[in-house]
Amino acid sequence: MSAEEAHIQKEIRAEQSALKISLWTEISFAAIELLVAIITNSQAVLMDCVCDLAETITAIVSLRLVPLLYKPISERRPFGYSQVETWFIVIKGFMLLAVAVGLVVSNVQIILQGGRHVNFGIVAVFELVAMVVGAVLTVFLRRKNTSLESPLVEAEVSGWYMDAAVSAGLGIAFLAPVIVQTRWMISIAPYIDQVLAIILTFFVLPQPLRMVCSGMRDLLMMAPEEEVVDTVKGIARPILERDGFHNQFKDIIYEVSRMGRRLWVAIYLRPNSSVISIERWSAIQQEIEDALDEEFSDTYVELLPEID
């Protein structure tokens, strides 16, 4: 095994390790949440459980995808398996959106039927514990992903961050009926759980929406977000300008596309003269690619002369 292959295998194992930790924590939490939802009759906890089950299914698929994503580009697969990763993230986003919409409809029906009583104390304690676990997993996975720069692990980081934030809000909200024992609180108590579940849904919705929009943008080969394009230009321009290389060309056009974790950058340059140093051209191209790799981890750069 070559040094490069050994490095790739090490990265695969590291990425799978991070995903496995997230997966087993999600499985444990889904089981506990289901038990708490049954005991307390809470729709908010049930929603958390269903979302975690959806996350568990997608995490299992993620583990299977990882080795494919490190396979090299070929004539048969010019994008490698990056499209598979992007499709997977889009499907995951649609799945979470469908779950959220279904739970909103269910909770509206319960409210119209007169609400439902919930054991607020147990739910509050559970959600506050879930907040701590979610915060710990968020920090741990984010640190692991500093070197990996994996979109799959980043999706898990976002998921645990949202779980921690949501659990904090629910824990505080469910403490209110336990602490405040007034007449008006008792009168609205049957509806608190359903209202919180609906609010929780709308709080969670932006994340899967961003996943779907970003994935569809990639699949349609549209330019990525403006900040990504600006970062590419900010890295490439100083290299081109150095030693007057930038001044040898009348016009420079950047075309940036992304698929999964892989970024393609085509830089079109219109030369002032008919003579170009291929050796220098190749060196500049490699330097830009190396610089972008430090920011985006997996980048392919082409410097292309634009000839009238």
Protein backbone atom coordinates (compact mmCIF):
# COMPACT_ATOMS: atom_id res chain seq x y z
CA MET A 1 0.00 0.00 0.00
CA SER A 2 1.39 3.41 -1.02
CA ALA A 3 1.64 6.36 1.37
CA GLU A 4 -1.26 8.07 -0.41
CA GLU A 5 -3.50 5.00 -0.13
CA ALA A 6 -2.59 4.64 3.55
CA HIS A 7 -3.52 8.30 4.12
CA ILE A 8 -6.88 7.80 2.36
CA GLN A 9 -7.65 4.70 4.46
CA LYS A 10 -6.79 6.67 7.60
CA GLU A 11 -9.21 9.45 6.59
CA ILE A 12 -11.95 6.92 5.80
CA ARG A 13 -11.56 5.28 9.23
CA ALA A 14 -11.55 8.67 10.99
CA GLU A 15 -14.72 9.80 9.18
CA GLN A 16 -16.48 6.48 9.84
CA SER A 17 -15.45 6.66 13.49
CA ALA A 18 -17.09 10.10 13.90
CA LEU A 19 -20.25 8.90 12.14
CA LYS A 20 -20.43 5.74 14.27
CA ILE A 21 -20.25 7.75 17.50
CA SER A 22 -23.08 9.95 16.26
CA LEU A 23 -25.06 6.91 15.05
CA TRP A 24 -24.93 4.95 18.32
CA THR A 25 -25.80 8.03 20.35
CA GLU A 26 -28.79 8.68 18.05
CA ILE A 27 -29.98 5.06 18.40
CA SER A 28 -29.74 5.26 22.21
CA PHE A 29 -31.54 8.59 22.32
CA ALA A 30 -34.29 7.47 19.95
CA ALA A 31 -35.00 4.46 22.19
CA ILE A 32 -35.05 6.61 25.36
CA GLU A 33 -37.19 9.29 23.68
CA LEU A 34 -39.73 6.70 22.58
CA LEU A 35 -39.96 5.40 26.15
CA VAL A 36 -40.32 8.94 27.57
CA ALA A 37 -42.94 9.83 24.91
CA ILE A 38 -45.02 6.77 25.90
CA ILE A 39 -44.70 7.47 29.65
CA THR A 40 -45.39 11.22 29.45
CA ASN A 41 -47.78 11.24 26.45
CA SER A 42 -45.70 14.11 24.99
CA GLN A 43 -45.97 15.01 21.32
CA ALA A 44 -42.87 17.22 21.56
CA VAL A 45 -40.75 14.29 22.74
CA LEU A 46 -42.37 12.05 20.11
CA MET A 47 -41.35 14.55 17.42
CA ASP A 48 -37.77 14.47 18.72
CA CYS A 49 -37.90 10.68 18.60
CA VAL A 50 -39.16 10.54 15.01
CA CYS A 51 -36.52 13.06 13.88
CA ASP A 52 -33.80 11.02 15.60
CA LEU A 53 -35.05 7.84 13.93
CA ALA A 54 -34.82 9.59 10.55
CA GLU A 55 -31.30 10.77 11.46
CA THR A 56 -30.40 7.20 12.46
CA ILE A 57 -31.47 5.79 9.09
CA THR A 58 -29.49 8.43 7.20
CA ALA A 59 -26.44 7.93 9.46
CA ILE A 60 -26.42 4.20 8.61
CA VAL A 61 -26.48 5.06 4.90
CA SER A 62 -23.71 7.63 5.47
CA LEU A 63 -21.40 4.93 6.84
CA ARG A 64 -21.90 2.92 3.65
CA LEU A 65 -21.22 5.97 1.47
CA VAL A 66 -17.90 7.04 3.01
CA PRO A 67 -15.56 4.57 1.20
CA LEU A 68 -17.16 5.44 -2.17
CA LEU A 69 -16.54 9.16 -1.69
CA TYR A 70 -12.77 8.64 -1.59
CA LYS A 71 -12.66 6.81 -4.92
CA PRO A 72 -10.81 8.80 -7.64
CA ILE A 73 -12.43 10.54 -10.61
CA SER A 74 -12.48 8.45 -13.80
CA GLU A 75 -13.67 8.78 -17.40
CA ARG A 76 -16.75 6.76 -16.49
CA ARG A 77 -17.43 8.83 -13.34
CA PRO A 78 -16.15 12.40 -13.98
CA PHE A 79 -17.63 13.53 -10.65
CA GLY A 80 -16.60 10.38 -8.78
CA TYR A 81 -19.34 9.54 -6.27
CA SER A 82 -19.88 13.16 -5.22
CA GLN A 83 -23.33 13.19 -6.81
CA VAL A 84 -24.36 10.25 -4.61
CA GLU A 85 -23.41 12.24 -1.52
CA THR A 86 -25.33 15.28 -2.76
CA TRP A 87 -28.43 13.25 -3.62
CA PHE A 88 -28.27 11.65 -0.19
CA ILE A 89 -28.17 15.04 1.58
CA VAL A 90 -31.13 16.27 -0.53
CA ILE A 91 -33.17 13.13 0.27
CA LYS A 92 -32.31 13.50 3.97
CA GLY A 93 -33.54 17.12 3.87
CA PHE A 94 -36.83 16.12 2.18
CA MET A 95 -37.30 13.30 4.72
CA LEU A 96 -36.94 15.69 7.66
CA LEU A 97 -39.31 18.19 6.00
CA ALA A 98 -41.95 15.46 5.51
CA VAL A 99 -41.64 14.37 9.16
CA ALA A 100 -41.98 17.98 10.36
CA VAL A 101 -45.09 18.69 8.26
CA GLY A 102 -46.74 15.42 9.38
CA LEU A 103 -46.17 16.23 13.05
CA VAL A 104 -47.56 19.76 12.68
CA VAL A 105 -50.78 18.35 11.20
CA SER A 106 -51.00 15.75 14.01
CA ASN A 107 -50.55 18.37 16.74
CA VAL A 108 -53.13 20.73 15.22
CA GLN A 109 -55.63 17.85 15.29
CA ILE A 110 -54.87 17.17 18.99
CA ILE A 111 -55.37 20.87 19.84
CA LEU A 112 -58.74 20.90 18.05
CA GLN A 113 -59.74 17.81 20.06
CA GLY A 114 -59.13 19.61 23.37
CA GLY A 115 -55.43 19.08 23.98
CA ARG A 116 -53.68 16.42 26.05
CA HIS A 117 -52.23 16.28 29.58
CA VAL A 118 -48.48 15.63 29.88
CA ASN A 119 -46.13 14.82 32.78
CA PHE A 120 -44.22 18.10 32.57
CA GLY A 121 -41.65 17.30 35.26
CA ILE A 122 -40.29 14.14 33.59
CA VAL A 123 -40.18 15.84 30.18
CA ALA A 124 -38.35 18.88 31.58
CA VAL A 125 -35.64 16.76 33.24
CA PHE A 126 -35.22 14.60 30.14
CA GLU A 127 -34.91 17.59 27.78
CA LEU A 128 -32.32 19.32 29.97
CA VAL A 129 -30.22 16.13 30.05
CA ALA A 130 -30.64 15.87 26.24
CA MET A 131 -29.41 19.47 25.93
CA VAL A 132 -26.14 18.60 27.72
CA VAL A 133 -25.59 15.47 25.60
CA GLY A 134 -26.34 17.39 22.38
CA ALA A 135 -23.90 20.17 23.32
CA VAL A 136 -21.14 17.65 24.12
CA LEU A 137 -21.65 15.80 20.79
CA THR A 138 -21.69 19.10 18.87
CA VAL A 139 -18.33 20.19 20.29
CA PHE A 140 -16.79 16.72 19.89
CA LEU A 141 -17.86 16.20 16.26
CA ARG A 142 -16.95 19.76 15.28
CA ARG A 143 -13.41 19.22 16.56
CA LYS A 144 -13.19 15.88 14.75
CA ASN A 145 -14.36 17.52 11.54
CA THR A 146 -11.72 20.27 11.69
CA SER A 147 -9.29 17.96 9.91
CA LEU A 148 -11.84 15.80 8.03
CA GLU A 149 -13.93 18.64 6.51
CA SER A 150 -16.66 16.09 5.73
CA PRO A 151 -20.12 17.32 4.63
CA LEU A 152 -21.61 14.16 6.18
CA VAL A 153 -20.03 14.84 9.57
CA GLU A 154 -20.92 18.54 9.23
CA ALA A 155 -24.56 17.51 8.73
CA GLU A 156 -24.33 15.51 11.98
CA VAL A 157 -22.81 18.54 13.76
CA SER A 158 -25.71 20.71 12.58
CA GLY A 159 -28.20 18.05 13.70
CA TRP A 160 -26.75 17.78 17.22
CA TYR A 161 -26.50 21.57 17.52
CA MET A 162 -30.18 21.87 16.65
CA ASP A 163 -31.04 19.08 19.09
CA ALA A 164 -29.18 20.84 21.91
CA ALA A 165 -30.85 24.19 21.18
CA VAL A 166 -34.31 22.64 20.89
CA SER A 167 -33.87 20.57 24.07
CA ALA A 168 -32.81 23.68 25.99
CA GLY A 169 -35.93 25.54 24.87
CA LEU A 170 -38.24 22.61 25.63
CA GLY A 171 -36.65 21.96 29.03
CA ILE A 172 -37.19 25.57 30.12
CA ALA A 173 -40.72 25.66 28.67
CA PHE A 174 -41.79 22.44 30.38
CA LEU A 175 -40.44 23.68 33.71
CA ALA A 176 -42.88 26.61 33.62
CA PRO A 177 -46.09 24.62 34.40
CA VAL A 178 -44.25 22.82 37.24
CA ILE A 179 -43.09 26.07 38.84
CA VAL A 180 -46.03 28.35 38.03
CA GLN A 181 -49.25 26.90 39.49
CA THR A 182 -51.74 29.66 38.63
CA ARG A 183 -55.30 29.28 37.35
CA TRP A 184 -54.48 30.48 33.83
CA MET A 185 -51.49 28.12 33.63
CA ILE A 186 -53.71 25.18 34.62
CA SER A 187 -56.25 26.18 31.96
CA ILE A 188 -53.68 26.19 29.13
CA ALA A 189 -51.70 23.18 30.37
CA PRO A 190 -53.42 20.63 28.03
CA TYR A 191 -52.26 22.65 24.99
CA ILE A 192 -48.68 23.49 26.02
CA ASP A 193 -47.12 20.30 24.69
CA GLN A 194 -48.75 20.55 21.25
CA VAL A 195 -48.00 24.27 20.87
CA LEU A 196 -44.36 23.68 21.81
CA ALA A 197 -44.14 20.79 19.32
CA ILE A 198 -45.44 23.06 16.52
CA ILE A 199 -43.05 25.88 17.51
CA LEU A 200 -40.24 23.32 17.63
CA THR A 201 -41.10 22.18 14.11
CA PHE A 202 -40.84 25.68 12.66
CA PHE A 203 -37.58 26.19 14.55
CA VAL A 204 -36.14 23.01 13.01
CA LEU A 205 -37.41 23.59 9.44
CA PRO A 206 -34.65 26.00 8.23
CA GLN A 207 -31.95 23.33 8.56
CA PRO A 208 -33.47 20.71 6.18
CA LEU A 209 -34.53 23.54 3.85
CA ARG A 210 -30.89 24.69 3.62
CA MET A 211 -29.80 21.09 2.97
CA VAL A 212 -32.31 20.74 0.12
CA CYS A 213 -31.55 24.15 -1.45
CA SER A 214 -27.77 23.68 -1.26
CA GLY A 215 -27.99 20.13 -2.66
CA MET A 216 -30.27 21.13 -5.54
CA ARG A 217 -27.95 24.03 -6.38
CA ASP A 218 -25.07 21.55 -6.67
CA LEU A 219 -27.05 19.00 -8.69
CA LEU A 220 -28.13 21.70 -11.16
CA MET A 221 -24.43 22.70 -11.50
CA MET A 222 -25.17 26.23 -10.34
CA ALA A 223 -22.45 28.29 -8.68
CA PRO A 224 -22.24 27.67 -4.92
CA GLU A 225 -23.02 30.34 -2.34
CA GLU A 226 -21.53 33.79 -3.00
CA GLU A 227 -19.19 33.56 0.00
CA VAL A 228 -17.66 30.35 -1.45
CA VAL A 229 -17.02 32.02 -4.82
CA ASP A 230 -15.56 35.11 -3.10
CA THR A 231 -13.24 32.88 -1.04
CA VAL A 232 -12.02 31.13 -4.21
CA LYS A 233 -11.30 34.47 -5.89
CA GLY A 234 -9.64 35.82 -2.76
CA ILE A 235 -7.23 32.86 -2.70
CA ALA A 236 -6.53 32.62 -6.45
CA ARG A 237 -6.17 36.33 -7.29
CA PRO A 238 -3.03 37.08 -5.20
CA ILE A 239 -1.28 34.04 -6.72
CA LEU A 240 -2.13 35.20 -10.25
CA GLU A 241 -1.08 38.78 -9.49
CA ARG A 242 2.28 37.79 -8.07
CA ASP A 243 5.28 38.40 -10.35
CA GLY A 244 3.03 40.12 -12.87
CA PHE A 245 1.37 36.89 -14.04
CA HIS A 246 -2.02 38.55 -13.66
CA ASN A 247 -0.98 41.41 -15.94
CA GLN A 248 -0.26 39.09 -18.87
CA PHE A 249 -3.98 38.61 -19.44
CA LYS A 250 -6.71 40.93 -20.65
CA ASP A 251 -9.56 39.28 -18.78
CA ILE A 252 -10.04 36.64 -16.07
CA ILE A 253 -13.28 34.69 -15.60
CA TYR A 254 -13.96 32.31 -12.70
CA GLU A 255 -16.34 29.36 -12.99
CA VAL A 256 -16.91 27.57 -9.67
CA SER A 257 -19.05 24.47 -9.23
CA ARG A 258 -19.45 22.07 -6.34
CA MET A 259 -20.67 18.52 -5.94
CA GLY A 260 -20.75 17.14 -2.41
CA ARG A 261 -17.34 17.77 -0.83
CA ARG A 262 -15.54 18.31 -4.15
CA LEU A 263 -15.03 21.77 -5.64
CA TRP A 264 -14.22 22.42 -9.32
CA VAL A 265 -12.65 25.75 -10.24
CA ALA A 266 -12.09 26.76 -13.86
CA ILE A 267 -10.21 30.01 -14.38
CA TYR A 268 -10.36 31.36 -17.94
CA LEU A 269 -7.60 33.78 -18.89
CA ARG A 270 -7.32 35.72 -22.16
CA PRO A 271 -3.58 36.21 -22.87
CA ASN A 272 -2.09 39.46 -24.14
CA SER A 273 0.46 37.61 -26.26
CA SER A 274 0.59 34.42 -28.28
CA VAL A 275 3.42 32.93 -26.17
CA ILE A 276 2.71 31.26 -22.81
CA SER A 277 5.17 29.39 -20.58
CA ILE A 278 3.60 25.95 -20.04
CA GLU A 279 5.97 25.25 -17.14
CA ARG A 280 5.01 28.45 -15.34
CA TRP A 281 1.33 27.93 -16.21
CA SER A 282 1.39 24.47 -14.64
CA ALA A 283 3.20 25.71 -11.52
CA ILE A 284 0.65 28.51 -10.97
CA GLN A 285 -2.26 26.08 -11.45
CA GLN A 286 -0.81 23.65 -8.89
CA GLU A 287 -0.15 26.44 -6.40
CA ILE A 288 -3.76 27.66 -6.64
CA GLU A 289 -5.05 24.10 -6.20
CA ASP A 290 -2.84 23.52 -3.13
CA ALA A 291 -3.98 26.80 -1.58
CA LEU A 292 -7.66 26.01 -2.19
CA ASP A 293 -7.20 22.50 -0.78
CA GLU A 294 -6.26 24.03 2.56
CA GLU A 295 -9.64 25.81 2.62
CA PHE A 296 -11.95 23.28 0.94
CA SER A 297 -10.02 19.96 1.33
CA ASP A 298 -10.91 18.51 -2.11
CA THR A 299 -10.46 20.89 -5.02
CA TYR A 300 -9.74 20.48 -8.72
CA VAL A 301 -8.38 23.55 -10.54
CA GLU A 302 -7.97 24.24 -14.25
CA LEU A 303 -6.30 27.30 -15.75
CA LEU A 304 -7.69 27.61 -19.27
CA PRO A 305 -6.53 30.05 -21.96
CA GLU A 306 -9.47 31.75 -23.64
CA ILE A 307 -8.59 32.28 -27.30
CA ASP A 308 -10.71 34.41 -29.66
